N, C-alpha and C. Protein backbone atom coordinates (compact mmCIF):
# COMPACT_ATOMS: atom_id res chain seq x y z
N MET A 1 -18.14 4.90 81.34
CA MET A 1 -19.06 4.47 80.70
C MET A 1 -18.44 2.78 80.44
N THR A 2 -19.73 1.72 80.37
CA THR A 2 -19.74 0.73 80.90
C THR A 2 -18.96 -0.15 79.87
N THR A 3 -18.74 -1.06 79.95
CA THR A 3 -17.96 -2.50 78.61
C THR A 3 -19.62 -2.17 78.08
N ALA A 4 -20.35 -2.51 78.69
CA ALA A 4 -22.24 -2.84 77.76
C ALA A 4 -22.23 -1.62 76.56
N SER A 5 -22.52 -0.48 77.35
CA SER A 5 -22.61 0.66 76.42
C SER A 5 -21.55 1.22 75.51
N TYR A 6 -20.12 0.93 75.58
CA TYR A 6 -19.15 1.21 75.27
C TYR A 6 -18.98 -0.18 73.52
N ARG A 7 -19.54 -1.11 73.80
CA ARG A 7 -19.76 -2.56 72.68
C ARG A 7 -20.69 -1.37 72.12
N LEU A 8 -22.02 -1.05 72.60
CA LEU A 8 -23.02 -0.28 71.61
C LEU A 8 -22.99 0.78 71.00
N THR A 9 -21.92 1.59 71.69
CA THR A 9 -21.36 2.66 71.09
C THR A 9 -20.46 2.30 69.77
N PHE A 10 -19.88 1.30 69.77
CA PHE A 10 -19.03 1.19 68.60
C PHE A 10 -19.52 0.37 67.98
N SER A 11 -20.45 -0.49 67.64
CA SER A 11 -21.43 -1.13 67.01
C SER A 11 -22.33 0.21 66.37
N ARG A 12 -22.87 1.16 66.95
CA ARG A 12 -23.42 1.99 65.97
C ARG A 12 -22.18 2.98 64.86
N SER A 13 -21.19 3.54 65.50
CA SER A 13 -20.65 4.03 64.87
C SER A 13 -19.87 3.60 63.55
N LEU A 14 -20.21 1.42 63.73
CA LEU A 14 -19.62 0.82 62.46
C LEU A 14 -20.89 1.03 62.05
N ASN A 15 -21.67 0.73 62.25
CA ASN A 15 -23.41 0.26 61.05
C ASN A 15 -24.30 0.58 61.20
N CYS A 16 -23.82 2.74 61.56
CA CYS A 16 -25.00 3.34 60.65
C CYS A 16 -26.52 2.82 61.95
N ASP A 17 -26.74 3.68 62.72
CA ASP A 17 -27.83 3.67 64.08
C ASP A 17 -27.73 2.12 64.65
N GLY A 18 -26.53 1.19 64.51
CA GLY A 18 -26.99 0.37 65.67
C GLY A 18 -27.28 -0.86 65.27
N ARG A 19 -27.43 -1.21 64.15
CA ARG A 19 -28.38 -1.88 63.58
C ARG A 19 -27.72 -3.39 63.43
N PHE A 20 -26.40 -3.43 64.23
CA PHE A 20 -25.57 -4.29 64.53
C PHE A 20 -25.16 -5.40 63.39
N GLY A 21 -24.12 -4.22 62.53
CA GLY A 21 -23.99 -5.12 61.06
C GLY A 21 -24.65 -5.70 60.13
N ILE A 22 -25.50 -5.84 60.38
CA ILE A 22 -26.48 -6.31 58.75
C ILE A 22 -26.25 -5.88 57.63
N ALA A 23 -26.45 -5.10 57.48
CA ALA A 23 -26.40 -3.97 56.50
C ALA A 23 -24.85 -4.31 55.85
N LEU A 24 -23.98 -4.31 56.71
CA LEU A 24 -22.28 -4.49 56.17
C LEU A 24 -22.22 -6.04 55.99
N ALA A 25 -22.93 -6.55 56.76
CA ALA A 25 -22.92 -8.42 56.62
C ALA A 25 -23.62 -8.18 55.08
N ALA A 26 -24.05 -7.53 54.61
CA ALA A 26 -25.39 -7.93 53.41
C ALA A 26 -24.53 -7.72 52.88
N ALA A 27 -23.57 -6.27 52.31
CA ALA A 27 -22.96 -5.80 51.65
C ALA A 27 -21.45 -6.36 51.19
N LEU A 28 -20.73 -6.83 52.41
CA LEU A 28 -19.61 -7.99 52.70
C LEU A 28 -20.22 -9.13 51.61
N ALA A 29 -21.10 -9.75 51.80
CA ALA A 29 -21.53 -10.50 50.81
C ALA A 29 -21.91 -10.53 49.99
N LEU A 30 -22.35 -9.22 49.20
CA LEU A 30 -22.54 -9.38 47.76
C LEU A 30 -20.98 -9.60 47.54
N LEU A 31 -19.85 -9.20 48.02
CA LEU A 31 -18.42 -9.11 47.17
C LEU A 31 -18.34 -10.51 47.51
N LEU A 32 -18.31 -11.20 48.56
CA LEU A 32 -17.95 -12.51 48.54
C LEU A 32 -18.52 -13.93 47.87
N LEU A 33 -19.65 -13.70 48.02
CA LEU A 33 -20.30 -14.65 47.55
C LEU A 33 -20.21 -15.06 45.85
N PRO A 34 -20.79 -13.92 45.20
CA PRO A 34 -19.73 -14.18 43.57
C PRO A 34 -18.42 -14.97 43.58
N LEU A 35 -17.43 -15.13 44.43
CA LEU A 35 -16.82 -15.76 44.05
C LEU A 35 -17.01 -17.68 43.87
N ALA A 36 -18.07 -17.84 44.62
CA ALA A 36 -18.86 -19.29 44.28
C ALA A 36 -18.98 -19.59 42.81
N GLY A 37 -18.85 -18.21 42.11
CA GLY A 37 -19.47 -19.05 40.97
C GLY A 37 -18.20 -19.68 40.02
N GLY A 38 -16.85 -18.46 40.12
CA GLY A 38 -15.82 -19.27 39.92
C GLY A 38 -15.39 -18.39 38.49
N ASP A 39 -14.89 -19.01 37.20
CA ASP A 39 -14.35 -18.08 36.69
C ASP A 39 -15.29 -17.91 35.70
N SER A 40 -16.44 -18.75 35.14
CA SER A 40 -17.44 -18.65 34.49
C SER A 40 -18.02 -17.54 34.52
N LEU A 41 -18.67 -17.49 36.32
CA LEU A 41 -19.62 -16.52 36.89
C LEU A 41 -18.95 -14.89 36.47
N THR A 42 -17.69 -15.02 36.34
CA THR A 42 -16.49 -13.65 36.61
C THR A 42 -16.93 -13.51 35.29
N ALA A 43 -16.28 -14.30 34.29
CA ALA A 43 -16.79 -14.14 32.34
C ALA A 43 -18.14 -13.55 32.02
N ALA A 44 -18.84 -14.07 32.64
CA ALA A 44 -20.34 -13.55 32.55
C ALA A 44 -21.06 -12.29 32.90
N TRP A 45 -20.45 -11.89 34.26
CA TRP A 45 -20.91 -10.60 34.59
C TRP A 45 -19.72 -9.27 35.13
N ARG A 46 -18.40 -9.44 34.52
CA ARG A 46 -17.84 -9.02 33.81
C ARG A 46 -18.31 -7.38 33.24
N TYR A 47 -17.63 -6.43 33.63
CA TYR A 47 -18.01 -5.26 32.71
C TYR A 47 -16.61 -5.65 31.00
N ALA A 48 -17.56 -6.03 30.20
CA ALA A 48 -16.80 -6.33 28.83
C ALA A 48 -17.50 -5.61 27.83
N ARG A 49 -16.99 -4.61 26.65
CA ARG A 49 -17.24 -3.50 26.29
C ARG A 49 -18.09 -4.22 24.48
N ALA A 50 -17.79 -5.14 24.53
CA ALA A 50 -18.27 -6.13 23.56
C ALA A 50 -19.63 -6.82 23.80
N PRO A 51 -19.80 -7.66 24.37
CA PRO A 51 -21.27 -7.84 24.92
C PRO A 51 -22.08 -6.95 25.33
N ILE A 52 -21.50 -6.07 26.25
CA ILE A 52 -22.51 -4.55 26.75
C ILE A 52 -22.93 -4.16 25.56
N ALA A 53 -22.56 -4.04 24.60
CA ALA A 53 -22.51 -3.13 23.12
C ALA A 53 -23.30 -4.43 22.50
N ALA A 54 -23.89 -5.35 22.64
CA ALA A 54 -24.53 -6.54 22.62
C ALA A 54 -25.69 -6.35 22.83
N GLY A 55 -26.17 -5.94 24.06
CA GLY A 55 -27.14 -5.39 24.89
C GLY A 55 -27.29 -6.74 26.32
N GLU A 56 -26.21 -6.97 26.39
CA GLU A 56 -25.67 -7.55 27.86
C GLU A 56 -25.83 -6.33 29.16
N TRP A 57 -26.65 -5.80 29.02
CA TRP A 57 -26.69 -4.31 29.89
C TRP A 57 -26.59 -4.87 31.70
N TRP A 58 -26.47 -5.98 32.44
CA TRP A 58 -26.57 -6.52 33.71
C TRP A 58 -25.11 -6.38 33.83
N ARG A 59 -24.20 -6.57 32.72
CA ARG A 59 -22.59 -5.82 33.23
C ARG A 59 -22.62 -4.85 33.82
N LEU A 60 -23.11 -3.72 33.80
CA LEU A 60 -22.76 -2.65 34.20
C LEU A 60 -23.27 -2.50 35.59
N LEU A 61 -24.07 -3.22 36.05
CA LEU A 61 -24.20 -3.36 37.17
C LEU A 61 -23.37 -4.75 38.00
N THR A 62 -23.32 -5.66 37.62
CA THR A 62 -22.56 -7.05 38.38
C THR A 62 -21.08 -7.17 38.03
N ALA A 63 -20.29 -5.99 37.19
CA ALA A 63 -19.00 -5.95 37.03
C ALA A 63 -18.06 -5.60 38.44
N HIS A 64 -19.59 -4.70 39.12
CA HIS A 64 -18.52 -4.33 40.47
C HIS A 64 -18.60 -5.39 41.75
N VAL A 65 -19.30 -6.41 41.66
CA VAL A 65 -19.51 -6.95 42.90
C VAL A 65 -18.68 -8.23 42.50
N VAL A 66 -17.91 -8.79 40.76
CA VAL A 66 -16.89 -9.21 40.63
C VAL A 66 -15.62 -9.29 40.87
N HIS A 67 -14.59 -10.24 40.83
CA HIS A 67 -13.25 -9.95 41.16
C HIS A 67 -12.40 -10.64 40.97
N LEU A 68 -10.96 -10.50 40.55
CA LEU A 68 -10.14 -11.44 39.76
C LEU A 68 -9.72 -12.60 40.37
N ASN A 69 -9.85 -12.94 41.61
CA ASN A 69 -9.70 -13.43 42.54
C ASN A 69 -10.22 -13.49 43.82
N PRO A 70 -9.98 -14.61 44.79
CA PRO A 70 -10.35 -14.24 46.21
C PRO A 70 -9.89 -13.10 47.13
N ARG A 71 -8.20 -13.00 46.48
CA ARG A 71 -7.48 -12.08 47.05
C ARG A 71 -7.75 -10.66 46.81
N HIS A 72 -8.47 -10.72 45.82
CA HIS A 72 -8.97 -8.70 44.97
C HIS A 72 -10.51 -9.02 45.61
N ALA A 73 -11.27 -9.98 45.93
CA ALA A 73 -12.68 -9.93 46.74
C ALA A 73 -12.38 -9.62 47.85
N LEU A 74 -11.49 -10.22 48.92
CA LEU A 74 -11.19 -9.86 50.39
C LEU A 74 -10.66 -8.50 50.08
N ILE A 75 -10.12 -8.45 49.44
CA ILE A 75 -9.08 -6.97 49.99
C ILE A 75 -10.08 -5.45 49.50
N ASN A 76 -10.54 -5.89 49.08
CA ASN A 76 -12.05 -5.04 48.54
C ASN A 76 -13.07 -4.79 50.22
N ALA A 77 -13.21 -6.29 50.09
CA ALA A 77 -13.92 -6.25 51.37
C ALA A 77 -13.55 -5.90 52.75
N ALA A 78 -12.18 -5.58 52.90
CA ALA A 78 -11.95 -5.21 53.97
C ALA A 78 -11.84 -3.70 53.82
N GLY A 79 -11.28 -3.03 52.36
CA GLY A 79 -11.42 -2.13 52.54
C GLY A 79 -13.19 -1.43 52.60
N LEU A 80 -13.86 -1.91 52.62
CA LEU A 80 -15.22 -1.72 52.30
C LEU A 80 -15.67 -2.07 53.75
N ALA A 81 -14.91 -2.56 54.89
CA ALA A 81 -15.33 -2.41 56.20
C ALA A 81 -14.65 -1.11 56.91
N LEU A 82 -13.54 -1.24 56.28
CA LEU A 82 -12.82 0.32 56.50
C LEU A 82 -13.87 1.16 56.62
N LEU A 83 -14.16 1.84 55.57
CA LEU A 83 -15.23 2.80 54.95
C LEU A 83 -16.18 2.66 55.69
N TRP A 84 -16.66 1.90 55.89
CA TRP A 84 -18.14 1.65 56.72
C TRP A 84 -17.79 2.41 57.80
N ALA A 85 -17.10 1.76 58.85
CA ALA A 85 -16.10 2.65 59.89
C ALA A 85 -16.20 3.88 60.39
N LEU A 86 -15.77 4.50 59.09
CA LEU A 86 -15.51 5.79 59.05
C LEU A 86 -16.65 6.93 58.45
N PHE A 87 -17.39 6.23 57.45
CA PHE A 87 -18.98 7.13 56.97
C PHE A 87 -19.96 6.28 57.07
N ALA A 88 -20.12 5.28 57.53
CA ALA A 88 -21.25 5.08 57.42
C ALA A 88 -22.73 5.98 58.21
N ARG A 89 -22.41 6.78 59.04
CA ARG A 89 -23.76 7.26 59.56
C ARG A 89 -23.57 8.59 59.25
N SER A 90 -22.82 9.11 58.17
CA SER A 90 -22.94 10.37 57.20
C SER A 90 -24.01 10.80 56.10
N LEU A 91 -24.15 9.80 56.00
CA LEU A 91 -25.57 9.84 55.11
C LEU A 91 -26.72 8.81 55.81
N ARG A 92 -27.47 8.65 55.32
CA ARG A 92 -29.01 8.12 55.72
C ARG A 92 -29.05 6.92 54.78
N PRO A 93 -28.92 5.31 55.33
CA PRO A 93 -29.01 4.28 54.66
C PRO A 93 -29.73 4.56 53.21
N TRP A 94 -31.17 5.02 53.15
CA TRP A 94 -31.48 5.50 51.65
C TRP A 94 -30.29 6.28 51.23
N GLN A 95 -29.80 7.49 51.48
CA GLN A 95 -28.85 8.11 50.60
C GLN A 95 -27.76 6.86 50.09
N TRP A 96 -27.30 6.54 51.31
CA TRP A 96 -26.11 6.04 50.16
C TRP A 96 -26.38 4.60 49.24
N VAL A 97 -27.73 4.42 49.52
CA VAL A 97 -28.17 3.32 48.41
C VAL A 97 -27.90 4.40 47.04
N LEU A 98 -28.90 5.37 47.10
CA LEU A 98 -29.13 6.50 46.04
C LEU A 98 -27.12 6.73 45.72
N ALA A 99 -26.79 7.35 46.70
CA ALA A 99 -25.24 7.59 46.00
C ALA A 99 -24.60 6.38 45.37
N VAL A 100 -24.53 5.07 45.93
CA VAL A 100 -23.89 3.90 45.14
C VAL A 100 -24.39 3.93 43.95
N LEU A 101 -25.66 4.23 43.44
CA LEU A 101 -26.16 4.22 42.09
C LEU A 101 -25.26 5.02 41.34
N VAL A 102 -25.70 6.40 41.87
CA VAL A 102 -25.14 7.10 41.12
C VAL A 102 -23.53 7.24 40.81
N MET A 103 -22.84 6.43 42.06
CA MET A 103 -21.11 5.95 41.38
C MET A 103 -21.12 5.46 40.11
N VAL A 104 -21.76 4.43 40.19
CA VAL A 104 -22.13 3.22 39.71
C VAL A 104 -22.20 3.87 38.10
N ALA A 105 -22.92 4.49 37.89
CA ALA A 105 -23.56 5.55 36.43
C ALA A 105 -22.07 6.14 36.03
N VAL A 106 -21.74 6.83 37.05
CA VAL A 106 -20.58 7.77 36.65
C VAL A 106 -19.24 6.80 36.33
N ILE A 107 -18.86 5.46 36.87
CA ILE A 107 -17.95 5.23 36.29
C ILE A 107 -18.35 4.49 35.04
N ASN A 108 -19.26 4.08 35.27
CA ASN A 108 -19.58 2.91 33.94
C ASN A 108 -19.57 4.20 32.61
N ALA A 109 -20.51 5.26 32.56
CA ALA A 109 -20.56 6.10 31.37
C ALA A 109 -18.73 6.71 31.59
N CYS A 110 -17.62 6.89 32.22
CA CYS A 110 -16.19 7.24 31.66
C CYS A 110 -16.05 6.74 31.10
N LEU A 111 -16.01 4.58 32.13
CA LEU A 111 -15.06 3.82 31.24
C LEU A 111 -16.12 3.73 29.43
N TRP A 112 -16.98 3.99 29.88
CA TRP A 112 -17.51 3.58 28.29
C TRP A 112 -16.96 4.97 27.14
N PHE A 113 -17.14 5.52 27.51
CA PHE A 113 -16.49 7.15 26.72
C PHE A 113 -15.62 7.83 26.92
N LEU A 114 -14.98 8.08 27.90
CA LEU A 114 -13.46 8.06 28.28
C LEU A 114 -12.39 6.89 27.89
N SER A 115 -12.51 5.91 28.40
CA SER A 115 -11.95 4.31 28.34
C SER A 115 -12.19 3.88 27.48
N PRO A 116 -12.41 4.21 26.24
CA PRO A 116 -12.59 3.21 24.96
C PRO A 116 -11.85 2.03 24.81
N ARG A 117 -10.57 2.37 25.03
CA ARG A 117 -9.45 0.71 24.72
C ARG A 117 -10.23 -0.26 26.15
N THR A 118 -10.69 0.27 26.97
CA THR A 118 -10.81 -0.56 28.00
C THR A 118 -11.91 -1.89 27.35
N GLN A 119 -11.53 -2.95 27.93
CA GLN A 119 -12.24 -3.64 26.65
C GLN A 119 -12.88 -4.74 28.13
N TRP A 120 -12.65 -4.32 29.31
CA TRP A 120 -13.28 -5.21 30.50
C TRP A 120 -12.35 -4.61 32.07
N TYR A 121 -13.29 -4.90 33.19
CA TYR A 121 -13.39 -4.66 34.40
C TYR A 121 -13.90 -5.17 35.27
N VAL A 122 -13.60 -5.73 36.71
CA VAL A 122 -14.14 -6.02 37.44
C VAL A 122 -13.23 -5.42 38.87
N GLY A 123 -14.59 -5.92 39.88
CA GLY A 123 -14.14 -4.93 40.79
C GLY A 123 -14.51 -4.00 41.56
N ALA A 124 -14.40 -3.70 42.90
CA ALA A 124 -15.28 -2.61 44.03
C ALA A 124 -14.52 -1.52 43.74
N SER A 125 -13.34 -1.81 43.40
CA SER A 125 -12.19 -0.56 43.95
C SER A 125 -12.79 0.68 43.46
N ALA A 126 -13.53 0.80 42.55
CA ALA A 126 -13.62 2.14 41.86
C ALA A 126 -15.08 2.54 42.62
N LEU A 127 -15.57 1.67 42.80
CA LEU A 127 -16.95 2.33 43.62
C LEU A 127 -16.44 2.81 45.39
N LEU A 128 -15.73 1.72 45.72
CA LEU A 128 -14.77 2.18 47.10
C LEU A 128 -14.45 3.66 47.33
N HIS A 129 -13.95 4.13 45.54
CA HIS A 129 -12.84 5.28 45.68
C HIS A 129 -13.82 6.31 45.76
N GLY A 130 -15.55 5.46 45.18
CA GLY A 130 -16.52 6.92 45.03
C GLY A 130 -16.96 6.96 46.48
N ILE A 131 -17.32 5.65 47.42
CA ILE A 131 -17.57 5.62 48.94
C ILE A 131 -16.65 7.10 49.38
N PHE A 132 -15.28 5.88 49.13
CA PHE A 132 -14.56 7.25 50.26
C PHE A 132 -14.62 9.00 49.91
N ALA A 133 -14.74 9.19 48.41
CA ALA A 133 -15.00 10.75 48.28
C ALA A 133 -16.40 11.19 48.76
N CYS A 134 -17.40 10.24 48.73
CA CYS A 134 -18.70 10.61 49.06
C CYS A 134 -18.82 10.98 50.72
N GLY A 135 -17.98 10.02 51.14
CA GLY A 135 -18.21 10.25 52.51
C GLY A 135 -17.50 11.03 53.03
N ALA A 136 -16.46 11.67 52.25
CA ALA A 136 -15.23 12.64 53.20
C ALA A 136 -16.08 14.27 52.75
N ILE A 137 -17.23 14.45 51.49
CA ILE A 137 -17.47 15.58 51.42
C ILE A 137 -18.90 15.47 52.28
N ALA A 138 -19.36 14.40 52.73
CA ALA A 138 -20.55 14.43 53.63
C ALA A 138 -20.46 15.34 55.19
N MET A 139 -18.60 14.30 55.56
CA MET A 139 -18.64 14.76 56.75
C MET A 139 -17.96 16.57 56.62
N ILE A 140 -17.34 16.80 55.84
CA ILE A 140 -16.62 18.14 55.34
C ILE A 140 -18.14 19.09 55.24
N ARG A 141 -19.17 19.06 55.19
CA ARG A 141 -20.41 19.40 55.17
C ARG A 141 -21.19 19.40 56.12
N ALA A 142 -20.63 19.11 57.00
CA ALA A 142 -21.08 17.97 58.38
C ALA A 142 -20.88 18.61 59.55
N GLY A 143 -19.45 19.75 59.17
CA GLY A 143 -18.68 20.47 59.74
C GLY A 143 -17.65 19.55 60.68
N GLU A 144 -17.13 18.04 60.16
CA GLU A 144 -16.62 17.28 60.72
C GLU A 144 -14.90 17.69 60.06
N ARG A 145 -13.96 17.79 61.59
CA ARG A 145 -12.56 17.94 61.10
C ARG A 145 -12.16 17.07 59.71
N LEU A 146 -12.40 15.58 60.30
CA LEU A 146 -11.93 14.48 59.95
C LEU A 146 -12.07 14.29 58.25
N GLY A 147 -13.19 14.81 57.96
CA GLY A 147 -13.45 15.24 56.66
C GLY A 147 -12.80 15.57 55.98
N TRP A 148 -12.24 16.67 56.40
CA TRP A 148 -10.98 17.36 55.66
C TRP A 148 -9.25 16.57 55.53
N ILE A 149 -9.10 15.72 56.86
CA ILE A 149 -7.99 14.91 57.14
C ILE A 149 -8.40 14.08 55.62
N ALA A 150 -9.62 13.22 56.11
CA ALA A 150 -9.29 12.25 54.84
C ALA A 150 -9.72 12.34 53.40
N ALA A 151 -10.12 13.99 52.73
CA ALA A 151 -10.13 14.22 51.73
C ALA A 151 -8.81 14.61 51.03
N ILE A 152 -7.94 15.55 52.07
CA ILE A 152 -6.61 15.08 52.21
C ILE A 152 -5.80 14.13 51.70
N ALA A 153 -6.22 13.29 52.26
CA ALA A 153 -5.00 12.30 52.27
C ALA A 153 -5.92 11.01 51.14
N PHE A 154 -6.81 11.39 50.66
CA PHE A 154 -7.53 10.65 49.74
C PHE A 154 -6.98 11.10 47.79
N ALA A 155 -6.64 12.57 48.29
CA ALA A 155 -6.07 13.44 47.11
C ALA A 155 -4.80 12.82 46.49
N VAL A 156 -3.68 12.52 47.85
CA VAL A 156 -2.88 12.13 47.38
C VAL A 156 -2.64 10.81 46.96
N LYS A 157 -3.33 10.44 47.64
CA LYS A 157 -3.86 8.67 47.02
C LYS A 157 -4.01 8.61 45.96
N LEU A 158 -4.86 9.37 44.96
CA LEU A 158 -5.57 9.30 43.71
C LEU A 158 -4.08 10.08 43.03
N ALA A 159 -3.22 11.31 43.25
CA ALA A 159 -2.64 11.78 42.16
C ALA A 159 -1.33 10.91 42.55
N TRP A 160 -0.98 9.91 43.34
CA TRP A 160 0.77 8.97 43.83
C TRP A 160 -0.06 7.69 42.61
N GLU A 161 -1.64 7.38 42.48
CA GLU A 161 -1.83 6.51 41.79
C GLU A 161 -1.69 6.62 40.37
N GLN A 162 -1.82 7.88 40.01
CA GLN A 162 -1.87 8.26 38.15
C GLN A 162 -0.42 8.51 38.40
N LEU A 163 0.15 9.03 38.81
CA LEU A 163 1.87 9.35 38.26
C LEU A 163 2.95 8.22 38.42
N GLN A 164 2.81 7.09 39.91
CA GLN A 164 3.44 6.29 40.10
C GLN A 164 2.95 4.73 40.26
N GLY A 165 1.48 4.96 39.76
CA GLY A 165 1.39 3.35 39.60
C GLY A 165 0.75 3.27 40.88
N PRO A 166 -0.42 1.34 40.76
CA PRO A 166 -1.00 1.38 41.88
C PRO A 166 -0.25 1.12 42.83
N LEU A 167 -0.89 0.82 44.10
CA LEU A 167 -0.48 0.98 45.61
C LEU A 167 0.18 -0.60 45.53
N PRO A 168 1.11 -1.24 46.30
CA PRO A 168 1.20 -2.24 46.44
C PRO A 168 -0.01 -2.57 47.33
N MET A 169 -0.07 -4.27 47.35
CA MET A 169 -1.22 -5.18 47.85
C MET A 169 -2.72 -4.62 47.07
N SER A 170 -2.13 -4.16 45.46
CA SER A 170 -3.83 -4.63 44.92
C SER A 170 -4.34 -5.49 44.49
N GLY A 171 -3.70 -6.67 44.66
CA GLY A 171 -4.90 -7.99 44.66
C GLY A 171 -4.65 -8.06 42.77
N GLY A 172 -3.73 -7.49 42.19
CA GLY A 172 -3.83 -7.85 40.91
C GLY A 172 -3.64 -6.89 39.82
N PRO A 173 -4.02 -6.72 38.33
CA PRO A 173 -3.54 -5.35 37.88
C PRO A 173 -4.55 -4.91 38.19
N VAL A 174 -4.79 -2.93 38.25
CA VAL A 174 -5.03 -2.37 38.89
C VAL A 174 -5.23 -1.30 37.40
N LEU A 175 -6.64 -1.07 37.12
CA LEU A 175 -7.14 0.03 36.34
C LEU A 175 -7.16 1.05 37.17
N THR A 176 -6.23 2.24 37.30
CA THR A 176 -5.75 3.36 37.93
C THR A 176 -6.91 4.27 37.66
N ILE A 177 -7.20 4.27 36.24
CA ILE A 177 -8.18 5.66 36.27
C ILE A 177 -9.41 5.80 36.69
N SER A 178 -9.83 3.85 36.83
CA SER A 178 -11.26 3.87 37.04
C SER A 178 -11.65 4.53 38.94
N HIS A 179 -10.38 4.77 39.36
CA HIS A 179 -10.19 5.13 40.84
C HIS A 179 -10.91 7.20 40.60
N VAL A 180 -10.09 7.76 39.72
CA VAL A 180 -10.51 8.45 39.50
C VAL A 180 -11.77 8.98 38.49
N TYR A 181 -12.40 7.99 38.35
CA TYR A 181 -13.63 7.57 37.26
C TYR A 181 -14.75 7.64 38.75
N GLY A 182 -14.79 6.61 39.87
CA GLY A 182 -14.77 6.52 41.09
C GLY A 182 -15.08 7.95 41.99
N ALA A 183 -13.65 8.32 42.02
CA ALA A 183 -14.00 9.44 43.25
C ALA A 183 -15.09 10.59 42.34
N ALA A 184 -14.60 10.60 41.11
CA ALA A 184 -15.58 11.97 40.35
C ALA A 184 -16.72 11.54 40.91
N GLY A 185 -17.99 10.15 40.20
CA GLY A 185 -19.15 9.66 41.18
C GLY A 185 -19.62 10.16 42.59
N GLY A 186 -18.15 9.60 43.21
CA GLY A 186 -18.37 10.20 44.59
C GLY A 186 -18.33 11.71 45.09
N VAL A 187 -17.75 12.43 44.25
CA VAL A 187 -18.24 13.81 44.47
C VAL A 187 -19.39 14.23 43.98
N VAL A 188 -19.93 13.63 43.10
CA VAL A 188 -21.83 13.94 42.48
C VAL A 188 -22.62 13.89 43.69
N ALA A 189 -22.03 12.52 44.51
CA ALA A 189 -22.78 11.73 44.73
C ALA A 189 -23.23 13.37 46.52
N GLY A 190 -21.78 12.70 46.77
CA GLY A 190 -21.69 14.39 47.71
C GLY A 190 -22.04 14.96 48.14
N LEU A 191 -21.55 16.04 46.76
CA LEU A 191 -22.75 17.28 46.56
C LEU A 191 -23.95 17.51 46.73
N LEU A 192 -24.47 16.27 46.40
CA LEU A 192 -26.10 15.92 45.72
C LEU A 192 -27.11 15.69 46.91
N LEU A 193 -26.32 14.96 48.20
CA LEU A 193 -27.02 14.44 49.31
C LEU A 193 -26.62 15.46 50.13
N ARG A 194 -27.79 15.85 51.15
CA ARG A 194 -27.63 16.71 52.23
C ARG A 194 -26.73 15.27 53.70
N PRO A 195 -25.94 16.03 54.31
CA PRO A 195 -25.92 14.72 55.43
C PRO A 195 -25.96 15.10 56.59
N ARG A 196 -26.00 14.01 57.41
CA ARG A 196 -26.92 13.99 58.43
C ARG A 196 -25.59 14.85 59.24
N ARG A 197 -26.35 15.05 60.27
CA ARG A 197 -25.13 16.32 61.10
C ARG A 197 -25.06 15.50 62.53
N GLN A 198 -25.04 14.13 62.52
CA GLN A 198 -25.01 14.03 63.41
C GLN A 198 -23.89 12.68 63.28
N ARG A 199 -22.54 13.12 64.61
CA ARG A 199 -21.12 12.42 65.03
C ARG A 199 -20.66 11.51 64.97
N LEU A 200 -19.86 10.99 65.02
CA LEU A 200 -19.43 9.23 65.37
C LEU A 200 -19.57 9.36 66.96
N TYR A 201 -19.63 8.43 67.41
CA TYR A 201 -19.21 8.31 69.05
C TYR A 201 -17.78 8.16 69.10
């Protein structure tokens, strides 16, 4: 394999059919650009139970792209890039959009009905856990052994967090139960959507 063909192969495995990272760059921008709005934007966009009850429904979407601080946002952005490398090609682009919407709906419903004491929430970590769960299931359904390895490691991580608390380098206070909610949303999406039977190069 020539150097040029290797680079193309690598880019395809990272960004879903060789679209040269445009979609990944857009997703990363969605996580990082809200930092420019500072604390006032975070306060206006975060999941906050009382304002949502008063009709500020946009918070159910925007809560997942605002963060506690730049470090928190960068950690989530790095996590998204890693998940992209692992799972981007397991589903078609439109399927990933649908999967994310399913995950957001499940996370929000669980926060509202199962965690009524949670007054506010920010960050993409629950959503990233959903993407991990969805991607692992898609790989398993497509016959990829890596899917089983990923699923086992993921289950161990979730169990550790519930028993021992968040892992180091989490970027701030962590609502670990939200990771379980995200994983549940990812399982739902992974079971609903038919995976692509196309292996990573």
